[in-house]
N, C-alpha and C. Protein backbone atom coordinates (compact mmCIF):
# COMPACT_ATOMS: atom_id res chain seq x y z
N MET A 1 1.08 22.90 8.80
CA MET A 1 1.68 21.98 7.88
C MET A 1 0.78 21.98 6.61
N GLU A 2 1.42 22.11 5.47
CA GLU A 2 0.71 22.16 4.21
C GLU A 2 0.31 20.78 3.72
N ALA A 3 -0.89 20.64 3.26
CA ALA A 3 -1.38 19.38 2.70
C ALA A 3 -0.62 19.04 1.42
N LYS A 4 -0.57 17.74 1.12
CA LYS A 4 0.10 17.28 -0.06
C LYS A 4 -0.90 16.56 -1.01
N LYS A 5 -0.61 16.59 -2.27
CA LYS A 5 -1.45 15.89 -3.26
C LYS A 5 -1.10 14.41 -3.24
N VAL A 6 -2.13 13.61 -3.58
CA VAL A 6 -1.91 12.18 -3.69
C VAL A 6 -0.74 11.86 -4.67
N SER A 7 -0.68 12.56 -5.73
CA SER A 7 0.32 12.33 -6.75
C SER A 7 1.76 12.52 -6.27
N GLN A 8 1.93 13.34 -5.17
CA GLN A 8 3.27 13.59 -4.69
C GLN A 8 3.93 12.42 -4.03
N SER A 9 3.15 11.45 -3.59
CA SER A 9 3.77 10.26 -2.94
C SER A 9 3.44 8.98 -3.66
N ARG A 10 2.60 9.05 -4.67
CA ARG A 10 2.25 7.87 -5.41
C ARG A 10 3.53 7.16 -5.93
N SER A 11 3.55 5.85 -5.84
CA SER A 11 4.79 5.13 -6.18
C SER A 11 4.44 3.85 -6.95
N ILE A 12 5.33 3.45 -7.85
CA ILE A 12 5.18 2.23 -8.63
C ILE A 12 6.47 1.43 -8.47
N ALA A 13 6.28 0.11 -8.30
CA ALA A 13 7.42 -0.78 -8.18
C ALA A 13 7.20 -2.03 -9.00
N THR A 14 8.23 -2.59 -9.55
CA THR A 14 8.12 -3.79 -10.38
C THR A 14 9.11 -4.82 -9.85
N GLN A 15 8.66 -6.08 -9.81
CA GLN A 15 9.50 -7.19 -9.37
C GLN A 15 9.32 -8.37 -10.34
N LEU A 16 10.35 -9.11 -10.48
CA LEU A 16 10.32 -10.36 -11.26
C LEU A 16 10.30 -11.50 -10.25
N VAL A 17 9.36 -12.44 -10.45
CA VAL A 17 9.30 -13.60 -9.52
C VAL A 17 10.39 -14.61 -9.89
N LEU A 18 11.34 -14.74 -8.99
CA LEU A 18 12.48 -15.61 -9.18
C LEU A 18 12.30 -16.92 -8.36
N PRO A 19 13.11 -17.95 -8.63
CA PRO A 19 12.96 -19.20 -7.88
C PRO A 19 12.98 -19.03 -6.36
N ARG A 20 13.87 -18.09 -5.92
CA ARG A 20 13.98 -17.88 -4.42
C ARG A 20 12.69 -17.26 -3.81
N ASP A 21 11.81 -16.66 -4.69
CA ASP A 21 10.56 -16.10 -4.23
C ASP A 21 9.38 -17.07 -4.28
N SER A 22 9.66 -18.28 -4.77
CA SER A 22 8.57 -19.22 -5.06
C SER A 22 8.36 -20.29 -3.99
N ASN A 23 7.15 -20.81 -3.95
CA ASN A 23 6.82 -21.87 -3.07
C ASN A 23 7.06 -23.24 -3.76
N SER A 24 6.65 -24.34 -3.18
CA SER A 24 6.93 -25.69 -3.74
C SER A 24 6.12 -25.95 -5.01
N ARG A 25 5.17 -25.16 -5.34
CA ARG A 25 4.41 -25.29 -6.59
C ARG A 25 4.81 -24.25 -7.62
N TRP A 26 5.94 -23.55 -7.42
CA TRP A 26 6.44 -22.50 -8.28
C TRP A 26 5.49 -21.31 -8.49
N GLY A 27 4.73 -21.08 -7.43
CA GLY A 27 3.97 -19.81 -7.33
C GLY A 27 4.66 -18.87 -6.40
N LEU A 28 4.37 -17.60 -6.48
CA LEU A 28 4.99 -16.66 -5.55
C LEU A 28 4.55 -16.96 -4.14
N TYR A 29 5.52 -17.04 -3.24
CA TYR A 29 5.26 -17.20 -1.84
C TYR A 29 4.47 -15.98 -1.31
N GLY A 30 3.34 -16.20 -0.68
CA GLY A 30 2.46 -15.10 -0.22
C GLY A 30 3.21 -14.11 0.69
N GLY A 31 4.08 -14.62 1.55
CA GLY A 31 4.81 -13.74 2.45
C GLY A 31 5.72 -12.83 1.73
N LYS A 32 6.29 -13.28 0.60
CA LYS A 32 7.19 -12.44 -0.24
C LYS A 32 6.36 -11.26 -0.76
N LEU A 33 5.15 -11.57 -1.26
CA LEU A 33 4.32 -10.49 -1.75
C LEU A 33 3.93 -9.46 -0.68
N VAL A 34 3.66 -9.96 0.49
CA VAL A 34 3.34 -9.07 1.64
C VAL A 34 4.55 -8.17 1.89
N ASP A 35 5.79 -8.75 1.86
CA ASP A 35 6.99 -7.99 2.03
C ASP A 35 7.13 -6.89 0.98
N TRP A 36 6.90 -7.26 -0.26
CA TRP A 36 6.99 -6.21 -1.34
C TRP A 36 5.96 -5.13 -1.14
N ILE A 37 4.69 -5.52 -0.77
CA ILE A 37 3.62 -4.56 -0.57
C ILE A 37 4.01 -3.64 0.57
N ASP A 38 4.46 -4.17 1.69
CA ASP A 38 4.84 -3.31 2.85
C ASP A 38 6.01 -2.42 2.48
N SER A 39 6.91 -2.86 1.66
CA SER A 39 8.05 -2.01 1.27
C SER A 39 7.60 -0.84 0.45
N ILE A 40 6.72 -1.04 -0.55
CA ILE A 40 6.27 0.10 -1.34
C ILE A 40 5.35 0.96 -0.52
N GLY A 41 4.58 0.36 0.35
CA GLY A 41 3.68 1.17 1.27
C GLY A 41 4.50 2.07 2.14
N THR A 42 5.65 1.57 2.65
CA THR A 42 6.48 2.37 3.53
C THR A 42 7.09 3.60 2.70
N VAL A 43 7.50 3.33 1.48
CA VAL A 43 8.03 4.40 0.66
C VAL A 43 6.95 5.43 0.45
N ILE A 44 5.75 5.04 0.10
CA ILE A 44 4.66 6.01 -0.10
C ILE A 44 4.41 6.84 1.11
N ALA A 45 4.28 6.18 2.27
CA ALA A 45 4.09 6.93 3.52
C ALA A 45 5.19 7.91 3.88
N MET A 46 6.45 7.46 3.65
CA MET A 46 7.59 8.30 3.96
C MET A 46 7.62 9.49 2.98
N ARG A 47 7.27 9.26 1.76
CA ARG A 47 7.27 10.32 0.78
C ARG A 47 6.21 11.34 1.14
N HIS A 48 5.04 10.90 1.70
CA HIS A 48 3.99 11.80 2.04
C HIS A 48 4.37 12.70 3.18
N CYS A 49 4.98 12.13 4.25
CA CYS A 49 5.23 12.88 5.44
C CYS A 49 6.68 13.36 5.59
N ASN A 50 7.57 12.82 4.81
CA ASN A 50 9.00 13.12 4.92
C ASN A 50 9.52 12.83 6.34
N LYS A 51 9.06 11.75 6.92
CA LYS A 51 9.43 11.27 8.21
C LYS A 51 9.62 9.74 8.20
N ARG A 52 10.21 9.19 9.24
CA ARG A 52 10.28 7.75 9.37
C ARG A 52 8.83 7.32 9.65
N VAL A 53 8.55 6.07 9.26
CA VAL A 53 7.20 5.55 9.55
C VAL A 53 7.32 4.12 10.00
N VAL A 54 6.26 3.66 10.71
CA VAL A 54 6.17 2.27 11.09
C VAL A 54 4.83 1.73 10.58
N THR A 55 4.79 0.46 10.29
CA THR A 55 3.55 -0.14 9.85
C THR A 55 2.67 -0.39 11.08
N ALA A 56 1.48 0.22 11.10
CA ALA A 56 0.61 0.04 12.30
C ALA A 56 -0.34 -1.15 12.05
N SER A 57 -0.78 -1.34 10.80
CA SER A 57 -1.67 -2.45 10.55
C SER A 57 -1.76 -2.72 9.05
N ILE A 58 -2.18 -3.93 8.74
CA ILE A 58 -2.58 -4.33 7.38
C ILE A 58 -4.09 -4.56 7.55
N GLU A 59 -4.82 -3.55 7.03
CA GLU A 59 -6.30 -3.57 7.18
C GLU A 59 -6.89 -4.69 6.34
N SER A 60 -6.38 -4.86 5.16
CA SER A 60 -6.85 -5.95 4.29
C SER A 60 -5.78 -6.28 3.29
N LEU A 61 -5.76 -7.57 2.89
CA LEU A 61 -4.85 -7.99 1.86
C LEU A 61 -5.57 -9.19 1.17
N ASN A 62 -5.95 -9.00 -0.05
CA ASN A 62 -6.74 -9.99 -0.73
C ASN A 62 -5.95 -10.52 -1.92
N PHE A 63 -5.65 -11.81 -1.87
CA PHE A 63 -5.03 -12.51 -3.03
C PHE A 63 -6.09 -12.89 -3.99
N LEU A 64 -6.05 -12.37 -5.21
CA LEU A 64 -7.12 -12.54 -6.17
C LEU A 64 -6.74 -13.49 -7.31
N SER A 65 -5.48 -13.59 -7.58
CA SER A 65 -5.01 -14.39 -8.74
C SER A 65 -3.61 -14.94 -8.43
N ARG A 66 -3.38 -16.15 -8.84
CA ARG A 66 -2.06 -16.81 -8.63
C ARG A 66 -1.01 -15.96 -9.37
N ILE A 67 0.18 -15.91 -8.76
CA ILE A 67 1.36 -15.31 -9.32
C ILE A 67 2.42 -16.38 -9.49
N ASN A 68 2.89 -16.54 -10.70
CA ASN A 68 3.77 -17.70 -11.02
C ASN A 68 5.23 -17.27 -11.14
N LEU A 69 6.08 -18.27 -11.03
CA LEU A 69 7.53 -18.07 -11.32
C LEU A 69 7.69 -17.45 -12.69
N GLY A 70 8.48 -16.40 -12.75
CA GLY A 70 8.71 -15.72 -14.01
C GLY A 70 7.78 -14.59 -14.28
N ASP A 71 6.68 -14.49 -13.54
CA ASP A 71 5.74 -13.37 -13.78
C ASP A 71 6.41 -12.05 -13.39
N ILE A 72 5.93 -10.98 -14.03
CA ILE A 72 6.32 -9.63 -13.68
C ILE A 72 5.24 -9.05 -12.77
N VAL A 73 5.61 -8.65 -11.56
CA VAL A 73 4.69 -8.10 -10.61
C VAL A 73 4.78 -6.59 -10.59
N MET A 74 3.67 -5.91 -10.82
CA MET A 74 3.64 -4.46 -10.83
C MET A 74 2.80 -3.91 -9.71
N MET A 75 3.36 -3.15 -8.78
CA MET A 75 2.62 -2.59 -7.70
C MET A 75 2.50 -1.08 -7.83
N ASP A 76 1.27 -0.59 -7.62
CA ASP A 76 0.98 0.83 -7.74
C ASP A 76 0.30 1.21 -6.44
N GLY A 77 0.81 2.25 -5.75
CA GLY A 77 0.23 2.58 -4.47
C GLY A 77 0.15 4.09 -4.28
N TRP A 78 -0.71 4.50 -3.34
CA TRP A 78 -1.01 5.87 -3.05
C TRP A 78 -1.58 6.04 -1.67
N VAL A 79 -1.60 7.26 -1.14
CA VAL A 79 -2.25 7.54 0.13
C VAL A 79 -3.73 7.78 -0.11
N ASN A 80 -4.59 7.07 0.65
CA ASN A 80 -6.02 7.30 0.58
C ASN A 80 -6.51 8.30 1.64
N HIS A 81 -5.87 8.33 2.78
CA HIS A 81 -6.41 9.10 3.88
C HIS A 81 -5.31 9.44 4.86
N THR A 82 -5.43 10.56 5.53
CA THR A 82 -4.50 10.92 6.62
C THR A 82 -5.28 11.24 7.85
N GLY A 83 -4.67 10.93 8.99
CA GLY A 83 -5.20 11.33 10.30
C GLY A 83 -4.20 12.35 10.90
N ASN A 84 -4.16 12.40 12.20
CA ASN A 84 -3.15 13.28 12.87
C ASN A 84 -1.73 12.81 12.64
N THR A 85 -1.54 11.50 12.90
CA THR A 85 -0.17 10.92 12.80
C THR A 85 -0.12 9.69 11.85
N SER A 86 -1.28 9.32 11.28
CA SER A 86 -1.35 8.11 10.47
C SER A 86 -1.74 8.40 9.05
N MET A 87 -1.42 7.43 8.20
CA MET A 87 -1.80 7.46 6.76
C MET A 87 -2.25 6.12 6.37
N GLU A 88 -3.38 6.08 5.63
CA GLU A 88 -3.87 4.88 5.05
C GLU A 88 -3.29 4.82 3.61
N VAL A 89 -2.67 3.72 3.29
CA VAL A 89 -2.06 3.52 1.97
C VAL A 89 -2.72 2.33 1.27
N GLU A 90 -3.02 2.47 0.00
CA GLU A 90 -3.59 1.38 -0.79
C GLU A 90 -2.55 0.96 -1.83
N VAL A 91 -2.41 -0.31 -2.01
CA VAL A 91 -1.49 -0.86 -3.01
C VAL A 91 -2.25 -1.85 -3.88
N LYS A 92 -2.20 -1.60 -5.20
CA LYS A 92 -2.82 -2.48 -6.19
C LYS A 92 -1.73 -3.28 -6.92
N VAL A 93 -1.92 -4.62 -6.98
CA VAL A 93 -0.90 -5.45 -7.56
C VAL A 93 -1.47 -6.05 -8.83
N ASP A 94 -0.78 -5.88 -9.92
CA ASP A 94 -1.12 -6.50 -11.19
C ASP A 94 0.05 -7.35 -11.61
N VAL A 95 -0.22 -8.33 -12.48
CA VAL A 95 0.77 -9.30 -12.90
C VAL A 95 0.79 -9.37 -14.43
N GLU A 96 1.97 -9.49 -14.95
CA GLU A 96 2.10 -9.66 -16.42
C GLU A 96 2.85 -10.98 -16.67
N ASP A 97 2.29 -11.75 -17.59
CA ASP A 97 2.94 -12.98 -18.06
C ASP A 97 3.89 -12.49 -19.17
N TRP A 98 5.20 -12.63 -18.94
CA TRP A 98 6.17 -12.09 -19.89
C TRP A 98 6.12 -12.81 -21.26
N LYS A 99 5.61 -14.08 -21.25
CA LYS A 99 5.55 -14.85 -22.53
C LYS A 99 4.43 -14.36 -23.42
N THR A 100 3.31 -14.01 -22.81
CA THR A 100 2.11 -13.65 -23.56
C THR A 100 1.76 -12.20 -23.51
N GLY A 101 2.31 -11.48 -22.50
CA GLY A 101 1.97 -10.06 -22.34
C GLY A 101 0.65 -9.92 -21.64
N GLU A 102 -0.06 -11.02 -21.30
CA GLU A 102 -1.33 -10.96 -20.61
C GLU A 102 -1.13 -10.29 -19.22
N LYS A 103 -2.03 -9.39 -18.92
CA LYS A 103 -2.01 -8.77 -17.59
C LYS A 103 -3.29 -9.09 -16.84
N ARG A 104 -3.13 -9.25 -15.50
CA ARG A 104 -4.32 -9.53 -14.64
C ARG A 104 -4.11 -8.91 -13.27
N HIS A 105 -5.19 -8.62 -12.67
CA HIS A 105 -5.17 -8.03 -11.28
C HIS A 105 -4.97 -9.19 -10.31
N ALA A 106 -4.03 -9.07 -9.43
CA ALA A 106 -3.68 -10.17 -8.52
C ALA A 106 -3.91 -9.95 -7.07
N CYS A 107 -3.88 -8.69 -6.59
CA CYS A 107 -3.99 -8.47 -5.16
C CYS A 107 -4.32 -7.02 -4.87
N ASN A 108 -5.08 -6.81 -3.80
CA ASN A 108 -5.35 -5.45 -3.25
C ASN A 108 -4.92 -5.46 -1.80
N ALA A 109 -4.33 -4.34 -1.36
CA ALA A 109 -3.92 -4.29 0.05
C ALA A 109 -4.20 -2.86 0.56
N ILE A 110 -4.63 -2.73 1.81
CA ILE A 110 -4.75 -1.52 2.50
C ILE A 110 -3.98 -1.59 3.79
N LEU A 111 -3.06 -0.64 4.00
CA LEU A 111 -2.21 -0.64 5.18
C LEU A 111 -2.26 0.72 5.85
N THR A 112 -1.96 0.74 7.14
CA THR A 112 -1.85 2.03 7.89
C THR A 112 -0.47 2.17 8.43
N TYR A 113 0.07 3.35 8.23
CA TYR A 113 1.43 3.70 8.71
C TYR A 113 1.30 4.89 9.65
N VAL A 114 2.21 4.93 10.67
CA VAL A 114 2.26 6.05 11.56
C VAL A 114 3.65 6.71 11.43
N ALA A 115 3.68 7.98 11.35
CA ALA A 115 4.91 8.75 11.24
C ALA A 115 5.50 8.84 12.67
N ILE A 116 6.84 8.74 12.78
CA ILE A 116 7.48 8.81 14.09
C ILE A 116 8.62 9.77 14.03
N ASP A 117 8.94 10.33 15.22
CA ASP A 117 10.12 11.21 15.36
C ASP A 117 11.35 10.37 15.70
N ASP A 118 12.45 11.03 15.97
CA ASP A 118 13.71 10.33 16.24
C ASP A 118 13.67 9.49 17.49
N ASN A 119 12.67 9.76 18.38
CA ASN A 119 12.55 8.97 19.61
C ASN A 119 11.48 7.87 19.48
N GLY A 120 10.94 7.74 18.32
CA GLY A 120 9.95 6.71 18.07
C GLY A 120 8.51 7.11 18.47
N LYS A 121 8.32 8.37 18.74
CA LYS A 121 6.98 8.85 19.16
C LYS A 121 6.23 9.33 17.93
N PRO A 122 4.90 9.06 17.91
CA PRO A 122 4.10 9.54 16.74
C PRO A 122 4.20 11.03 16.57
N ILE A 123 4.26 11.43 15.30
CA ILE A 123 4.37 12.85 14.94
C ILE A 123 3.35 13.18 13.87
N GLU A 124 2.94 14.40 13.81
CA GLU A 124 1.92 14.91 12.91
C GLU A 124 2.36 14.75 11.42
N VAL A 125 1.32 14.40 10.61
CA VAL A 125 1.60 14.25 9.16
C VAL A 125 0.78 15.29 8.41
N PRO A 126 1.22 15.64 7.21
CA PRO A 126 0.46 16.60 6.38
C PRO A 126 -0.88 16.02 5.99
N GLY A 127 -1.80 16.90 5.77
CA GLY A 127 -3.14 16.48 5.29
C GLY A 127 -3.04 16.00 3.82
N LEU A 128 -4.15 15.65 3.26
CA LEU A 128 -4.17 15.17 1.88
C LEU A 128 -5.05 16.05 1.04
N GLU A 129 -4.50 16.59 -0.01
CA GLU A 129 -5.24 17.43 -0.95
C GLU A 129 -5.86 16.49 -2.03
N LEU A 130 -7.15 16.46 -2.07
CA LEU A 130 -7.86 15.58 -2.99
C LEU A 130 -8.22 16.36 -4.23
N THR A 131 -7.77 15.84 -5.43
CA THR A 131 -7.95 16.62 -6.67
C THR A 131 -8.89 15.89 -7.65
N THR A 132 -9.16 14.63 -7.47
CA THR A 132 -9.96 13.88 -8.46
C THR A 132 -11.19 13.22 -7.74
N ASP A 133 -12.14 12.89 -8.48
CA ASP A 133 -13.29 12.17 -7.92
C ASP A 133 -12.90 10.85 -7.30
N ALA A 134 -11.96 10.15 -7.97
CA ALA A 134 -11.52 8.86 -7.47
C ALA A 134 -10.82 9.06 -6.12
N GLU A 135 -10.04 10.07 -5.96
CA GLU A 135 -9.38 10.32 -4.66
C GLU A 135 -10.37 10.64 -3.58
N LYS A 136 -11.43 11.39 -3.93
CA LYS A 136 -12.45 11.73 -2.96
C LYS A 136 -13.27 10.47 -2.54
N LYS A 137 -13.51 9.62 -3.49
CA LYS A 137 -14.22 8.35 -3.25
C LYS A 137 -13.40 7.47 -2.31
N ARG A 138 -12.11 7.37 -2.55
CA ARG A 138 -11.22 6.55 -1.73
C ARG A 138 -11.11 7.13 -0.32
N TRP A 139 -11.10 8.47 -0.19
CA TRP A 139 -11.09 9.13 1.11
C TRP A 139 -12.32 8.77 1.93
N ARG A 140 -13.50 8.84 1.25
CA ARG A 140 -14.75 8.51 1.98
C ARG A 140 -14.76 7.05 2.40
N ALA A 141 -14.30 6.17 1.51
CA ALA A 141 -14.22 4.74 1.91
C ALA A 141 -13.31 4.53 3.11
N ALA A 142 -12.17 5.22 3.11
CA ALA A 142 -11.23 5.17 4.24
C ALA A 142 -11.85 5.66 5.48
N GLU A 143 -12.61 6.74 5.41
CA GLU A 143 -13.32 7.28 6.57
C GLU A 143 -14.22 6.24 7.16
N LYS A 144 -14.97 5.50 6.33
CA LYS A 144 -15.87 4.47 6.80
C LYS A 144 -15.13 3.35 7.46
N ARG A 145 -13.99 2.94 6.90
CA ARG A 145 -13.15 1.92 7.53
C ARG A 145 -12.67 2.36 8.89
N LYS A 146 -12.21 3.60 8.95
CA LYS A 146 -11.73 4.12 10.20
C LYS A 146 -12.76 4.17 11.28
N LYS A 147 -13.96 4.60 10.94
CA LYS A 147 -15.04 4.66 11.93
C LYS A 147 -15.49 3.23 12.35
N ALA A 148 -15.51 2.28 11.41
CA ALA A 148 -15.82 0.91 11.76
C ALA A 148 -14.83 0.34 12.69
N LYS A 149 -13.50 0.63 12.45
CA LYS A 149 -12.45 0.16 13.30
C LYS A 149 -12.53 0.75 14.71
N GLU A 150 -12.80 2.04 14.76
CA GLU A 150 -12.95 2.70 16.03
C GLU A 150 -14.13 2.18 16.89
N SER A 151 -15.22 1.84 16.21
CA SER A 151 -16.35 1.30 16.92
C SER A 151 -16.10 -0.11 17.44
N CYS A 152 -15.23 -0.89 16.80
CA CYS A 152 -14.80 -2.17 17.29
C CYS A 152 -13.88 -2.09 18.48
N GLU A 153 -13.14 -1.03 18.57
CA GLU A 153 -12.18 -0.84 19.66
C GLU A 153 -12.83 -0.38 20.95
N GLU A 154 -14.08 0.10 20.86
CA GLU A 154 -14.75 0.65 22.06
C GLU A 154 -15.21 -0.45 22.94
């Protein structure tokens, strides 16, 4: 199976925070943002392996800045690491205030997806071809997270 470049599955999505997405203080409901992040993460993983995928875990999800009603939410995501059947995906969330044009970083998330066949069994995924220093750095960081997770499971 031929390795794929990070750029081949990188995806960007934009959402507008509407009243139905808001909590009682007119901020974005956190669960809605998790839904949006998991949706773009799924697209990224599927584009990488060209298979169905399931979310195996959300390794981290850090809310860094409030997201308000009417804000424009921009999500940018890519594959950091691949295993035999799994892919670590990172999603960066930025927010733009449409009135001022001010942009700020609002959330970081790291998720793991597993590719599955038609019977729901894990299936092999392509490797990842790293072409930039940033991609190599993210791969090394993902390796450390994977080893730390494996040592906790023992």
